[in-house]
Structures are given as C-alpha cells and as structure tokens.
Amino acid sequence: MTKHDFTIVPYSEKLTYKVVEWKEAVSVDDALILYLLDSLQWVESSWNDISQKNIGINYYRVTFFVDEEITHLKSIL
C-alpha cells in the first residue's frame, strides 16, 4: 500500500525538496492521508520549495509547513 513520508527539517529561505534528508522519516498510510485530505486543504503551506506558497498538501511531492501552519496542522490531526 502507498505510504507518505514526513520528517522535520530546519527552516531555510532556500529550502527545497532536493535538500531534504529522509533518514528519520515517519511513514503514514495513504488511506489516512486521503481521509484527512479535505481538512488539510485549508492549511497554508509551501510546495517543493519554501517560496512556492500554496494550501493543503502536495499529494505527489514535498510540502513544507512553517510556524503557524504547523499549529493549524496539529489542530486537524
């Protein structure tokens, strides 16, 4: 079954998916992500690099949550 990996990385204004290390990632089953997808679409985020502002999660690539965005994410989970 499909999994989605999550990890915590230090903030940088030049942060991109290319520099993220997945050594200590947590895997979450796709079924849970699909269940939460509608709720997550209201959380501000950045996709693939920190400067690409968006909302929700990038289902196929990397999503970054920063500061208050993390607080909103935690309230959903």
N, C-alpha and C. Protein backbone atom coordinates (compact mmCIF):
# COMPACT_ATOMS: atom_id res chain seq x y z
N MET A 1 0.85 -1.18 0.00
CA MET A 1 0.00 0.00 0.00
C MET A 1 0.89 1.25 0.00
N THR A 2 0.40 2.31 -0.59
CA THR A 2 1.14 3.55 -0.70
C THR A 2 1.34 4.21 0.66
N LYS A 3 2.52 4.76 0.86
CA LYS A 3 2.87 5.47 2.09
C LYS A 3 3.33 6.88 1.76
N HIS A 4 3.20 7.78 2.71
CA HIS A 4 3.70 9.14 2.60
C HIS A 4 4.67 9.37 3.75
N ASP A 5 5.83 9.91 3.45
CA ASP A 5 6.85 10.12 4.47
C ASP A 5 6.83 11.56 4.97
N PHE A 6 7.03 11.71 6.27
CA PHE A 6 7.09 13.01 6.92
C PHE A 6 8.37 13.10 7.74
N THR A 7 8.99 14.27 7.73
CA THR A 7 10.19 14.49 8.53
C THR A 7 10.23 15.96 8.95
N ILE A 8 11.05 16.26 9.91
CA ILE A 8 11.25 17.64 10.38
C ILE A 8 12.61 18.11 9.90
N VAL A 9 12.63 19.29 9.29
CA VAL A 9 13.89 19.85 8.78
C VAL A 9 14.03 21.28 9.28
N PRO A 10 15.26 21.75 9.44
CA PRO A 10 15.47 23.14 9.86
C PRO A 10 15.01 24.10 8.77
N TYR A 11 14.46 25.23 9.19
CA TYR A 11 13.99 26.24 8.24
C TYR A 11 15.16 26.92 7.54
N SER A 12 14.98 27.19 6.26
CA SER A 12 15.93 27.95 5.47
C SER A 12 15.15 28.64 4.37
N GLU A 13 15.49 29.86 4.03
CA GLU A 13 14.81 30.57 2.95
C GLU A 13 15.07 29.93 1.60
N LYS A 14 16.08 29.07 1.52
CA LYS A 14 16.41 28.39 0.27
C LYS A 14 16.04 26.91 0.30
N LEU A 15 15.16 26.54 1.21
CA LEU A 15 14.77 25.15 1.39
C LEU A 15 14.01 24.64 0.17
N THR A 16 14.46 23.49 -0.37
CA THR A 16 13.78 22.83 -1.48
C THR A 16 13.72 21.33 -1.20
N TYR A 17 12.90 20.64 -1.96
CA TYR A 17 12.79 19.19 -1.79
C TYR A 17 14.10 18.48 -2.07
N LYS A 18 14.98 19.11 -2.84
CA LYS A 18 16.24 18.48 -3.21
C LYS A 18 17.20 18.33 -2.03
N VAL A 19 17.03 19.13 -0.98
CA VAL A 19 17.96 19.08 0.15
C VAL A 19 17.38 18.35 1.37
N VAL A 20 16.16 17.88 1.27
CA VAL A 20 15.53 17.21 2.41
C VAL A 20 16.11 15.81 2.55
N GLU A 21 16.53 15.49 3.76
CA GLU A 21 17.02 14.15 4.07
C GLU A 21 15.91 13.35 4.74
N TRP A 22 15.75 12.12 4.32
CA TRP A 22 14.64 11.29 4.79
C TRP A 22 15.09 10.19 5.73
N LYS A 23 16.23 10.39 6.40
CA LYS A 23 16.79 9.34 7.27
C LYS A 23 15.84 8.97 8.41
N GLU A 24 15.21 9.96 9.01
CA GLU A 24 14.37 9.71 10.17
C GLU A 24 12.91 10.05 9.88
N ALA A 25 12.45 9.68 8.71
CA ALA A 25 11.09 9.98 8.31
C ALA A 25 10.09 9.03 8.96
N VAL A 26 8.88 9.53 9.13
CA VAL A 26 7.77 8.72 9.62
C VAL A 26 6.85 8.45 8.44
N SER A 27 6.49 7.21 8.23
CA SER A 27 5.60 6.85 7.13
C SER A 27 4.15 6.81 7.60
N VAL A 28 3.28 7.39 6.78
CA VAL A 28 1.84 7.41 7.07
C VAL A 28 1.13 6.75 5.89
N ASP A 29 0.21 5.87 6.20
CA ASP A 29 -0.53 5.15 5.18
C ASP A 29 -1.37 6.11 4.33
N ASP A 30 -1.44 5.82 3.04
CA ASP A 30 -2.20 6.63 2.10
C ASP A 30 -3.67 6.77 2.50
N ALA A 31 -4.25 5.74 3.07
CA ALA A 31 -5.66 5.79 3.47
C ALA A 31 -5.91 6.91 4.49
N LEU A 32 -4.98 7.11 5.41
CA LEU A 32 -5.13 8.19 6.38
C LEU A 32 -4.98 9.55 5.71
N ILE A 33 -4.04 9.69 4.80
CA ILE A 33 -3.87 10.95 4.08
C ILE A 33 -5.14 11.27 3.29
N LEU A 34 -5.69 10.30 2.60
CA LEU A 34 -6.91 10.52 1.83
C LEU A 34 -8.08 10.91 2.74
N TYR A 35 -8.14 10.32 3.92
CA TYR A 35 -9.19 10.64 4.89
C TYR A 35 -9.07 12.09 5.35
N LEU A 36 -7.85 12.58 5.53
CA LEU A 36 -7.61 13.93 6.03
C LEU A 36 -7.50 14.99 4.93
N LEU A 37 -7.48 14.57 3.68
CA LEU A 37 -7.18 15.47 2.57
C LEU A 37 -8.06 16.71 2.53
N ASP A 38 -9.36 16.57 2.69
CA ASP A 38 -10.24 17.74 2.65
C ASP A 38 -9.92 18.73 3.77
N SER A 39 -9.66 18.23 4.96
CA SER A 39 -9.32 19.11 6.08
C SER A 39 -7.98 19.80 5.87
N LEU A 40 -7.02 19.09 5.30
CA LEU A 40 -5.69 19.64 5.10
C LEU A 40 -5.66 20.72 4.02
N GLN A 41 -6.69 20.77 3.17
CA GLN A 41 -6.72 21.76 2.10
C GLN A 41 -6.92 23.18 2.62
N TRP A 42 -7.14 23.35 3.90
CA TRP A 42 -7.33 24.68 4.48
C TRP A 42 -6.07 25.19 5.17
N VAL A 43 -5.03 24.38 5.20
CA VAL A 43 -3.79 24.76 5.88
C VAL A 43 -2.82 25.37 4.86
N GLU A 44 -2.32 26.57 5.17
CA GLU A 44 -1.33 27.18 4.28
C GLU A 44 -0.04 26.38 4.32
N SER A 45 0.64 26.31 3.19
CA SER A 45 1.86 25.51 3.09
C SER A 45 2.71 26.03 1.93
N SER A 46 3.82 25.37 1.71
CA SER A 46 4.68 25.64 0.55
C SER A 46 4.95 24.31 -0.12
N TRP A 47 4.97 24.32 -1.44
CA TRP A 47 5.16 23.07 -2.19
C TRP A 47 6.50 23.07 -2.90
N ASN A 48 7.27 22.02 -2.68
CA ASN A 48 8.53 21.72 -3.36
C ASN A 48 9.68 22.65 -2.99
N ASP A 49 9.42 23.92 -2.78
CA ASP A 49 10.41 24.78 -2.14
C ASP A 49 9.67 25.82 -1.32
N ILE A 50 10.35 26.37 -0.36
CA ILE A 50 9.73 27.20 0.66
C ILE A 50 9.08 28.46 0.09
N SER A 51 9.47 28.88 -1.12
CA SER A 51 8.92 30.11 -1.70
C SER A 51 7.65 29.88 -2.51
N GLN A 52 7.28 28.63 -2.78
CA GLN A 52 6.08 28.33 -3.56
C GLN A 52 4.88 28.18 -2.63
N LYS A 53 4.27 29.30 -2.25
CA LYS A 53 3.14 29.29 -1.31
C LYS A 53 1.93 28.62 -1.94
N ASN A 54 1.21 27.87 -1.12
CA ASN A 54 0.05 27.14 -1.59
C ASN A 54 -0.82 26.82 -0.39
N ILE A 55 -1.81 25.97 -0.57
CA ILE A 55 -2.60 25.46 0.55
C ILE A 55 -2.69 23.95 0.44
N GLY A 56 -2.88 23.30 1.57
CA GLY A 56 -3.02 21.85 1.59
C GLY A 56 -1.70 21.14 1.40
N ILE A 57 -1.79 19.86 1.08
CA ILE A 57 -0.58 19.08 0.87
C ILE A 57 -0.40 18.78 -0.61
N ASN A 58 0.82 18.70 -1.00
CA ASN A 58 1.17 18.30 -2.36
C ASN A 58 1.18 16.77 -2.34
N TYR A 59 0.17 16.17 -2.89
CA TYR A 59 -0.03 14.73 -2.78
C TYR A 59 1.12 13.92 -3.38
N TYR A 60 1.77 14.46 -4.42
CA TYR A 60 2.80 13.71 -5.11
C TYR A 60 4.22 14.18 -4.84
N ARG A 61 4.40 15.26 -4.16
CA ARG A 61 5.74 15.79 -3.90
C ARG A 61 5.86 16.23 -2.46
N VAL A 62 6.74 17.21 -2.23
CA VAL A 62 7.08 17.67 -0.89
C VAL A 62 6.25 18.88 -0.50
N THR A 63 5.78 18.89 0.75
CA THR A 63 5.05 20.02 1.31
C THR A 63 5.78 20.50 2.55
N PHE A 64 5.93 21.81 2.68
CA PHE A 64 6.55 22.39 3.87
C PHE A 64 5.51 23.15 4.67
N PHE A 65 5.51 22.95 6.00
CA PHE A 65 4.68 23.71 6.92
C PHE A 65 5.61 24.47 7.84
N VAL A 66 5.33 25.76 8.06
CA VAL A 66 6.19 26.61 8.87
C VAL A 66 5.35 27.37 9.90
N ASP A 67 5.89 27.51 11.10
CA ASP A 67 5.32 28.34 12.17
C ASP A 67 3.83 28.07 12.40
N GLU A 68 2.99 29.07 12.15
CA GLU A 68 1.56 28.98 12.42
C GLU A 68 0.90 27.86 11.61
N GLU A 69 1.45 27.58 10.45
CA GLU A 69 0.92 26.50 9.62
C GLU A 69 1.00 25.17 10.37
N ILE A 70 2.06 24.99 11.13
CA ILE A 70 2.22 23.76 11.92
C ILE A 70 1.15 23.68 12.99
N THR A 71 0.85 24.81 13.61
CA THR A 71 -0.21 24.85 14.63
C THR A 71 -1.54 24.44 14.04
N HIS A 72 -1.87 24.94 12.86
CA HIS A 72 -3.13 24.55 12.19
C HIS A 72 -3.12 23.07 11.85
N LEU A 73 -2.01 22.58 11.37
CA LEU A 73 -1.89 21.16 11.04
C LEU A 73 -2.11 20.31 12.29
N LYS A 74 -1.50 20.68 13.38
CA LYS A 74 -1.66 19.92 14.63
C LYS A 74 -3.10 19.92 15.11
N SER A 75 -3.81 21.03 14.92
CA SER A 75 -5.21 21.08 15.39
C SER A 75 -6.10 20.13 14.57
N ILE A 76 -5.75 19.89 13.32
CA ILE A 76 -6.51 18.95 12.49
C ILE A 76 -6.20 17.51 12.89
N LEU A 77 -4.92 17.24 13.13
CA LEU A 77 -4.53 15.88 13.47
C LEU A 77 -4.93 15.54 14.89
